[in-house]
């Protein structure tokens, strides 16, 4: 009896694709914000609010016609080395 390898390869590819997609989505939502203003190497919620939420509030970009805080899960992914 010969085992058909093509369906097994396709199922394996689908499984790996789903697994890596889940990992990348999880890490994107747990990454810290990019605004480390006090250069302690760690961004805080206060720094995130100062640079993101406060700026949007001052420009009228919050609420029903703009960004809704809490509508997304976590911060955006950033590369702190490109300061």
PDB file of N, CA and C in Angstrom:
ATOM      1  N   UNK A   1       0.834  -1.173   0.000  1.00  0.00           N
ATOM      2  CA  UNK A   1       0.000   0.000   0.000  1.00  0.00           C
ATOM      3  C   UNK A   1       0.885   1.244   0.000  1.00  0.00           C
ATOM      4  N   UNK A   2       0.624   2.128  -0.934  1.00  0.00           N
ATOM      5  CA  UNK A   2       1.424   3.344  -1.073  1.00  0.00           C
ATOM      6  C   UNK A   2       0.688   4.511  -0.418  1.00  0.00           C
ATOM      7  N   UNK A   3       1.406   5.238   0.434  1.00  0.00           N
ATOM      8  CA  UNK A   3       0.824   6.401   1.106  1.00  0.00           C
ATOM      9  C   UNK A   3       0.957   7.602   0.182  1.00  0.00           C
ATOM     10  N   UNK A   4      -0.127   8.295   0.001  1.00  0.00           N
ATOM     11  CA  UNK A   4      -0.107   9.495  -0.846  1.00  0.00           C
ATOM     12  C   UNK A   4       0.508  10.632  -0.039  1.00  0.00           C
ATOM     13  N   UNK A   5       1.627  11.150  -0.491  1.00  0.00           N
ATOM     14  CA  UNK A   5       2.343  12.172   0.275  1.00  0.00           C
ATOM     15  C   UNK A   5       1.846  13.584  -0.002  1.00  0.00           C
ATOM     16  N   UNK A   6       1.216  13.828  -1.137  1.00  0.00           N
ATOM     17  CA  UNK A   6       0.768  15.181  -1.466  1.00  0.00           C
ATOM     18  C   UNK A   6      -0.283  15.699  -0.473  1.00  0.00           C
ATOM     19  N   UNK A   7      -1.327  14.930  -0.143  1.00  0.00           N
ATOM     20  CA  UNK A   7      -2.291  15.429   0.854  1.00  0.00           C
ATOM     21  C   UNK A   7      -1.663  15.656   2.228  1.00  0.00           C
ATOM     22  N   UNK A   8      -0.724  14.817   2.600  1.00  0.00           N
ATOM     23  CA  UNK A   8      -0.053  14.984   3.892  1.00  0.00           C
ATOM     24  C   UNK A   8       0.774  16.263   3.888  1.00  0.00           C
ATOM     25  N   UNK A   9       1.460  16.526   2.785  1.00  0.00           N
ATOM     26  CA  UNK A   9       2.258  17.749   2.680  1.00  0.00           C
ATOM     27  C   UNK A   9       1.364  18.989   2.743  1.00  0.00           C
ATOM     28  N   UNK A  10       0.225  18.939   2.075  1.00  0.00           N
ATOM     29  CA  UNK A  10      -0.689  20.083   2.075  1.00  0.00           C
ATOM     30  C   UNK A  10      -1.238  20.325   3.478  1.00  0.00           C
ATOM     31  N   UNK A  11      -1.640  19.270   4.165  1.00  0.00           N
ATOM     32  CA  UNK A  11      -2.150  19.417   5.534  1.00  0.00           C
ATOM     33  C   UNK A  11      -1.073  19.944   6.480  1.00  0.00           C
ATOM     34  N   UNK A  12       0.156  19.480   6.303  1.00  0.00           N
ATOM     35  CA  UNK A  12       1.266  19.965   7.126  1.00  0.00           C
ATOM     36  C   UNK A  12       1.515  21.447   6.873  1.00  0.00           C
ATOM     37  N   UNK A  13       1.494  21.860   5.621  1.00  0.00           N
ATOM     38  CA  UNK A  13       1.687  23.267   5.274  1.00  0.00           C
ATOM     39  C   UNK A  13       0.583  24.135   5.877  1.00  0.00           C
ATOM     40  N   UNK A  14      -0.645  23.685   5.798  1.00  0.00           N
ATOM     41  CA  UNK A  14      -1.765  24.433   6.386  1.00  0.00           C
ATOM     42  C   UNK A  14      -1.600  24.543   7.899  1.00  0.00           C
ATOM     43  N   UNK A  15      -1.212  23.450   8.548  1.00  0.00           N
ATOM     44  CA  UNK A  15      -1.029  23.467  10.003  1.00  0.00           C
ATOM     45  C   UNK A  15       0.066  24.452  10.415  1.00  0.00           C
ATOM     46  N   UNK A  16       1.204  24.443   9.713  1.00  0.00           N
ATOM     47  CA  UNK A  16       2.286  25.380  10.031  1.00  0.00           C
ATOM     48  C   UNK A  16       1.877  26.824   9.773  1.00  0.00           C
ATOM     49  N   UNK A  17       1.137  27.049   8.696  1.00  0.00           N
ATOM     50  CA  UNK A  17       0.673  28.407   8.391  1.00  0.00           C
ATOM     51  C   UNK A  17      -0.230  28.931   9.495  1.00  0.00           C
ATOM     52  N   UNK A  18      -1.167  28.118   9.938  1.00  0.00           N
ATOM     53  CA  UNK A  18      -2.066  28.532  11.025  1.00  0.00           C
ATOM     54  C   UNK A  18      -1.307  28.769  12.326  1.00  0.00           C
ATOM     55  N   UNK A  19      -0.337  27.905  12.615  1.00  0.00           N
ATOM     56  CA  UNK A  19       0.436  28.035  13.847  1.00  0.00           C
ATOM     57  C   UNK A  19       1.255  29.330  13.846  1.00  0.00           C
ATOM     58  N   UNK A  20       1.963  29.614  12.766  1.00  0.00           N
ATOM     59  CA  UNK A  20       2.782  30.824  12.713  1.00  0.00           C
ATOM     60  C   UNK A  20       1.931  32.084  12.676  1.00  0.00           C
ATOM     61  N   UNK A  21       0.775  32.022  12.062  1.00  0.00           N
ATOM     62  CA  UNK A  21      -0.139  33.155  12.052  1.00  0.00           C
ATOM     63  C   UNK A  21      -0.629  33.452  13.468  1.00  0.00           C
ATOM     64  N   UNK A  22      -0.953  32.425  14.222  1.00  0.00           N
ATOM     65  CA  UNK A  22      -1.405  32.616  15.603  1.00  0.00           C
ATOM     66  C   UNK A  22      -0.291  33.199  16.466  1.00  0.00           C
ATOM     67  N   UNK A  23       0.929  32.731  16.275  1.00  0.00           N
ATOM     68  CA  UNK A  23       2.063  33.239  17.055  1.00  0.00           C
ATOM     69  C   UNK A  23       2.324  34.702  16.729  1.00  0.00           C
ATOM     70  N   UNK A  24       2.294  35.066  15.456  1.00  0.00           N
ATOM     71  CA  UNK A  24       2.577  36.457  15.090  1.00  0.00           C
ATOM     72  C   UNK A  24       1.480  37.395  15.581  1.00  0.00           C
ATOM     73  N   UNK A  25       0.225  36.974  15.544  1.00  0.00           N
ATOM     74  CA  UNK A  25      -0.858  37.813  16.060  1.00  0.00           C
ATOM     75  C   UNK A  25      -0.749  38.003  17.559  1.00  0.00           C
ATOM     76  N   UNK A  26      -0.369  36.966  18.269  1.00  0.00           N
ATOM     77  CA  UNK A  26      -0.219  37.064  19.716  1.00  0.00           C
ATOM     78  C   UNK A  26       0.916  38.008  20.078  1.00  0.00           C
ATOM     79  N   UNK A  27       2.054  37.893  19.410  1.00  0.00           N
ATOM     80  CA  UNK A  27       3.185  38.751  19.750  1.00  0.00           C
ATOM     81  C   UNK A  27       2.924  40.202  19.375  1.00  0.00           C
ATOM     82  N   UNK A  28       2.148  40.441  18.354  1.00  0.00           N
ATOM     83  CA  UNK A  28       1.831  41.820  17.965  1.00  0.00           C
ATOM     84  C   UNK A  28       0.993  42.514  19.022  1.00  0.00           C
ATOM     85  N   UNK A  29       0.131  41.780  19.693  1.00  0.00           N
ATOM     86  CA  UNK A  29      -0.745  42.382  20.689  1.00  0.00           C
ATOM     87  C   UNK A  29      -0.099  42.481  22.065  1.00  0.00           C
ATOM     88  N   UNK A  30       1.052  41.884  22.256  1.00  0.00           N
ATOM     89  CA  UNK A  30       1.710  41.964  23.551  1.00  0.00           C
ATOM     90  C   UNK A  30       2.957  42.828  23.508  1.00  0.00           C
ATOM     91  N   UNK A  31       3.255  43.401  22.359  1.00  0.00           N
ATOM     92  CA  UNK A  31       4.438  44.254  22.240  1.00  0.00           C
ATOM     93  C   UNK A  31       4.182  45.597  22.916  1.00  0.00           C
ATOM     94  N   UNK A  32       5.214  46.200  23.496  1.00  0.00           N
ATOM     95  CA  UNK A  32       5.042  47.492  24.160  1.00  0.00           C
ATOM     96  C   UNK A  32       4.948  48.631  23.155  1.00  0.00           C
ATOM     97  N   UNK A  33       4.477  49.798  23.593  1.00  0.00           N
ATOM     98  CA  UNK A  33       4.443  50.953  22.697  1.00  0.00           C
ATOM     99  C   UNK A  33       5.855  51.452  22.413  1.00  0.00           C
ATOM    100  N   UNK A  34       5.981  52.298  21.399  1.00  0.00           N
ATOM    101  CA  UNK A  34       7.300  52.758  20.961  1.00  0.00           C
ATOM    102  C   UNK A  34       7.780  54.024  21.666  1.00  0.00           C
ATOM    103  N   UNK A  35       6.975  54.637  22.482  1.00  0.00           N
ATOM    104  CA  UNK A  35       7.308  55.941  23.047  1.00  0.00           C
ATOM    105  C   UNK A  35       7.987  55.815  24.406  1.00  0.00           C
ATOM    106  N   UNK A  36       9.288  55.584  24.401  1.00  0.00           N
ATOM    107  CA  UNK A  36      10.071  55.521  25.635  1.00  0.00           C
ATOM    108  C   UNK A  36      10.714  56.890  25.831  1.00  0.00           C
ATOM    109  N   UNK A  37       9.980  57.825  26.415  1.00  0.00           N
ATOM    110  CA  UNK A  37      10.461  59.206  26.508  1.00  0.00           C
ATOM    111  C   UNK A  37      11.481  59.428  27.611  1.00  0.00           C
ATOM    112  N   UNK A  38      11.487  58.586  28.632  1.00  0.00           N
ATOM    113  CA  UNK A  38      12.458  58.793  29.705  1.00  0.00           C
ATOM    114  C   UNK A  38      13.695  57.916  29.537  1.00  0.00           C
ATOM    115  N   UNK A  39      13.809  57.232  28.392  1.00  0.00           N
ATOM    116  CA  UNK A  39      14.985  56.419  28.042  1.00  0.00           C
ATOM    117  C   UNK A  39      15.382  55.413  29.112  1.00  0.00           C
ATOM    118  N   UNK A  40      14.381  54.838  29.788  1.00  0.00           N
ATOM    119  CA  UNK A  40      14.695  53.800  30.766  1.00  0.00           C
ATOM    120  C   UNK A  40      14.677  52.411  30.130  1.00  0.00           C
ATOM    121  N   UNK A  41      14.447  52.354  28.814  1.00  0.00           N
ATOM    122  CA  UNK A  41      14.437  51.079  28.105  1.00  0.00           C
ATOM    123  C   UNK A  41      13.101  50.379  28.130  1.00  0.00           C
ATOM    124  N   UNK A  42      12.114  51.001  28.751  1.00  0.00           N
ATOM    125  CA  UNK A  42      10.798  50.394  28.854  1.00  0.00           C
ATOM    126  C   UNK A  42       9.725  51.457  28.683  1.00  0.00           C
ATOM    127  N   UNK A  43       8.823  51.219  27.756  1.00  0.00           N
ATOM    128  CA  UNK A  43       7.719  52.151  27.555  1.00  0.00           C
ATOM    129  C   UNK A  43       6.613  51.846  28.552  1.00  0.00           C
ATOM    130  N   UNK A  44       5.910  52.861  28.962  1.00  0.00           N
ATOM    131  CA  UNK A  44       4.842  52.671  29.942  1.00  0.00           C
ATOM    132  C   UNK A  44       3.508  53.099  29.352  1.00  0.00           C
ATOM    133  N   UNK A  45       2.443  52.771  30.042  1.00  0.00           N
ATOM    134  CA  UNK A  45       1.117  53.209  29.630  1.00  0.00           C
ATOM    135  C   UNK A  45       0.996  54.717  29.649  1.00  0.00           C
ATOM    136  N   UNK A  46       1.670  55.360  30.611  1.00  0.00           N
ATOM    137  CA  UNK A  46       1.647  56.826  30.688  1.00  0.00           C
ATOM    138  C   UNK A  46       2.287  57.430  29.441  1.00  0.00           C
ATOM    139  N   UNK A  47       3.427  56.876  29.035  1.00  0.00           N
ATOM    140  CA  UNK A  47       4.106  57.380  27.839  1.00  0.00           C
ATOM    141  C   UNK A  47       3.262  57.134  26.590  1.00  0.00           C
ATOM    142  N   UNK A  48       2.616  55.975  26.526  1.00  0.00           N
ATOM    143  CA  UNK A  48       1.743  55.665  25.393  1.00  0.00           C
ATOM    144  C   UNK A  48       0.585  56.656  25.332  1.00  0.00           C
ATOM    145  N   UNK A  49      -0.037  56.924  26.472  1.00  0.00           N
ATOM    146  CA  UNK A  49      -1.162  57.866  26.506  1.00  0.00           C
ATOM    147  C   UNK A  49      -0.717  59.272  26.123  1.00  0.00           C
ATOM    148  N   UNK A  50       0.462  59.664  26.610  1.00  0.00           N
ATOM    149  CA  UNK A  50       0.967  61.009  26.329  1.00  0.00           C
ATOM    150  C   UNK A  50       1.176  61.224  24.833  1.00  0.00           C
ATOM    151  N   UNK A  51       1.713  60.226  24.153  1.00  0.00           N
ATOM    152  CA  UNK A  51       2.062  60.384  22.741  1.00  0.00           C
ATOM    153  C   UNK A  51       0.965  59.938  21.782  1.00  0.00           C
ATOM    154  N   UNK A  52       0.048  59.107  22.235  1.00  0.00           N
ATOM    155  CA  UNK A  52      -0.951  58.560  21.327  1.00  0.00           C
ATOM    156  C   UNK A  52      -2.353  59.081  21.645  1.00  0.00           C
ATOM    157  N   UNK A  53      -2.823  58.817  22.828  1.00  0.00           N
ATOM    158  CA  UNK A  53      -4.196  59.175  23.194  1.00  0.00           C
ATOM    159  C   UNK A  53      -4.352  60.683  23.372  1.00  0.00           C
ATOM    160  N   UNK A  54      -3.432  61.322  24.096  1.00  0.00           N
ATOM    161  CA  UNK A  54      -3.542  62.772  24.321  1.00  0.00           C
ATOM    162  C   UNK A  54      -3.472  63.551  23.014  1.00  0.00           C
ATOM    163  N   UNK A  55      -2.575  63.144  22.130  1.00  0.00           N
ATOM    164  CA  UNK A  55      -2.461  63.836  20.838  1.00  0.00           C
ATOM    165  C   UNK A  55      -3.742  63.694  20.022  1.00  0.00           C
ATOM    166  N   UNK A  56      -4.336  62.510  20.046  1.00  0.00           N
ATOM    167  CA  UNK A  56      -5.596  62.312  19.327  1.00  0.00           C
ATOM    168  C   UNK A  56      -6.727  63.123  19.951  1.00  0.00           C
ATOM    169  N   UNK A  57      -6.745  63.197  21.282  1.00  0.00           N
ATOM    170  CA  UNK A  57      -7.798  63.956  21.963  1.00  0.00           C
ATOM    171  C   UNK A  57      -7.703  65.440  21.626  1.00  0.00           C
ATOM    172  N   UNK A  58      -6.485  65.968  21.603  1.00  0.00           N
ATOM    173  CA  UNK A  58      -6.298  67.392  21.299  1.00  0.00           C
ATOM    174  C   UNK A  58      -6.692  67.728  19.861  1.00  0.00           C
ATOM    175  N   UNK A  59      -6.524  66.764  18.961  1.00  0.00           N
ATOM    176  CA  UNK A  59      -6.867  67.013  17.555  1.00  0.00           C
ATOM    177  C   UNK A  59      -8.305  66.624  17.224  1.00  0.00           C
ATOM    178  N   UNK A  60      -9.052  66.164  18.233  1.00  0.00           N
ATOM    179  CA  UNK A  60     -10.438  65.748  18.005  1.00  0.00           C
ATOM    180  C   UNK A  60     -10.553  64.406  17.316  1.00  0.00           C
ATOM    181  N   UNK A  61      -9.532  63.578  17.463  1.00  0.00           N
ATOM    182  CA  UNK A  61      -9.520  62.287  16.773  1.00  0.00           C
ATOM    183  C   UNK A  61      -9.994  61.117  17.594  1.00  0.00           C
ATOM    184  N   UNK A  62     -10.707  61.357  18.679  1.00  0.00           N
ATOM    185  CA  UNK A  62     -11.219  60.263  19.506  1.00  0.00           C
ATOM    186  C   UNK A  62     -12.739  60.196  19.412  1.00  0.00           C
ATOM    187  N   UNK A  63     -13.289  59.064  19.788  1.00  0.00           N
ATOM    188  CA  UNK A  63     -14.744  58.931  19.862  1.00  0.00           C
ATOM    189  C   UNK A  63     -15.356  58.276  18.644  1.00  0.00           C
ATOM    190  N   UNK A  64     -16.634  58.534  18.452  1.00  0.00           N
ATOM    191  CA  UNK A  64     -17.379  57.855  17.389  1.00  0.00           C
ATOM    192  C   UNK A  64     -16.861  58.160  15.994  1.00  0.00           C
ATOM    193  N   UNK A  65     -16.319  59.349  15.784  1.00  0.00           N
ATOM    194  CA  UNK A  65     -15.828  59.711  14.454  1.00  0.00           C
ATOM    195  C   UNK A  65     -14.333  59.488  14.282  1.00  0.00           C
ATOM    196  N   UNK A  66     -13.690  58.916  15.265  1.00  0.00           N
ATOM    197  CA  UNK A  66     -12.243  58.722  15.184  1.00  0.00           C
ATOM    198  C   UNK A  66     -11.822  57.439  15.868  1.00  0.00           C
ATOM    199  N   UNK A  67     -10.630  57.447  16.422  1.00  0.00           N
ATOM    200  CA  UNK A  67     -10.069  56.288  17.111  1.00  0.00           C
ATOM    201  C   UNK A  67     -10.817  56.047  18.414  1.00  0.00           C
ATOM    202  N   UNK A  68     -11.138  54.808  18.684  1.00  0.00           N
ATOM    203  CA  UNK A  68     -11.824  54.443  19.923  1.00  0.00           C
ATOM    204  C   UNK A  68     -10.845  53.671  20.804  1.00  0.00           C
ATOM    205  N   UNK A  69     -10.324  54.285  21.868  1.00  0.00           N
ATOM    206  CA  UNK A  69      -9.407  53.565  22.754  1.00  0.00           C
ATOM    207  C   UNK A  69     -10.061  52.289  23.277  1.00  0.00           C
ATOM    208  N   UNK A  70      -9.308  51.223  23.280  1.00  0.00           N
ATOM    209  CA  UNK A  70      -9.821  49.936  23.718  1.00  0.00           C
ATOM    210  C   UNK A  70     -10.427  49.124  22.589  1.00  0.00           C
ATOM    211  N   UNK A  71     -10.513  49.697  21.396  1.00  0.00           N
ATOM    212  CA  UNK A  71     -11.089  48.974  20.264  1.00  0.00           C
ATOM    213  C   UNK A  71     -10.126  47.927  19.716  1.00  0.00           C
ATOM    214  N   UNK A  72      -8.865  48.039  20.055  1.00  0.00           N
ATOM    215  CA  UNK A  72      -7.888  47.042  19.640  1.00  0.00           C
ATOM    216  C   UNK A  72      -7.258  46.446  20.890  1.00  0.00           C
ATOM    217  N   UNK A  73      -6.573  45.340  20.718  1.00  0.00           N
ATOM    218  CA  UNK A  73      -5.974  44.641  21.858  1.00  0.00           C
ATOM    219  C   UNK A  73      -4.486  44.916  21.911  1.00  0.00           C
ATOM    220  N   UNK A  74      -4.068  45.745  22.831  1.00  0.00           N
ATOM    221  CA  UNK A  74      -2.642  45.972  23.020  1.00  0.00           C
ATOM    222  C   UNK A  74      -2.084  47.078  22.160  1.00  0.00           C
ATOM    223  N   UNK A  75      -0.766  47.156  22.137  1.00  0.00           N
ATOM    224  CA  UNK A  75      -0.052  48.200  21.422  1.00  0.00           C
ATOM    225  C   UNK A  75       0.383  47.697  20.058  1.00  0.00           C
ATOM    226  N   UNK A  76       0.880  48.591  19.248  1.00  0.00           N
ATOM    227  CA  UNK A  76       1.428  48.188  17.956  1.00  0.00           C
ATOM    228  C   UNK A  76       2.858  47.695  18.132  1.00  0.00           C
ATOM    229  N   UNK A  77       3.290  46.884  17.207  1.00  0.00           N
ATOM    230  CA  UNK A  77       4.662  46.387  17.241  1.00  0.00           C
ATOM    231  C   UNK A  77       5.582  47.501  16.748  1.00  0.00           C
ATOM    232  N   UNK A  78       6.695  47.689  17.419  1.00  0.00           N
ATOM    233  CA  UNK A  78       7.634  48.709  16.982  1.00  0.00           C
ATOM    234  C   UNK A  78       9.050  48.164  17.021  1.00  0.00           C
ATOM    235  N   UNK A  79       9.941  48.879  16.373  1.00  0.00           N
ATOM    236  CA  UNK A  79      11.351  48.543  16.376  1.00  0.00           C
ATOM    237  C   UNK A  79      12.069  49.659  17.127  1.00  0.00           C
ATOM    238  N   UNK A  80      12.372  49.455  18.410  1.00  0.00           N
ATOM    239  CA  UNK A  80      12.973  50.530  19.196  1.00  0.00           C
ATOM    240  C   UNK A  80      14.370  50.928  18.736  1.00  0.00           C
ATOM    241  N   UNK A  81      14.999  50.144  17.873  1.00  0.00           N
ATOM    242  CA  UNK A  81      16.353  50.475  17.435  1.00  0.00           C
ATOM    243  C   UNK A  81      16.369  51.592  16.399  1.00  0.00           C
ATOM    244  N   UNK A  82      15.206  51.962  15.823  1.00  0.00           N
ATOM    245  CA  UNK A  82      15.217  53.006  14.803  1.00  0.00           C
ATOM    246  C   UNK A  82      14.759  54.349  15.366  1.00  0.00           C
ATOM    247  N   UNK A  83      15.235  54.675  16.567  1.00  0.00           N
ATOM    248  CA  UNK A  83      14.894  55.955  17.202  1.00  0.00           C
ATOM    249  C   UNK A  83      15.579  57.085  16.477  1.00  0.00           C
TER     250      UNK A  83
END
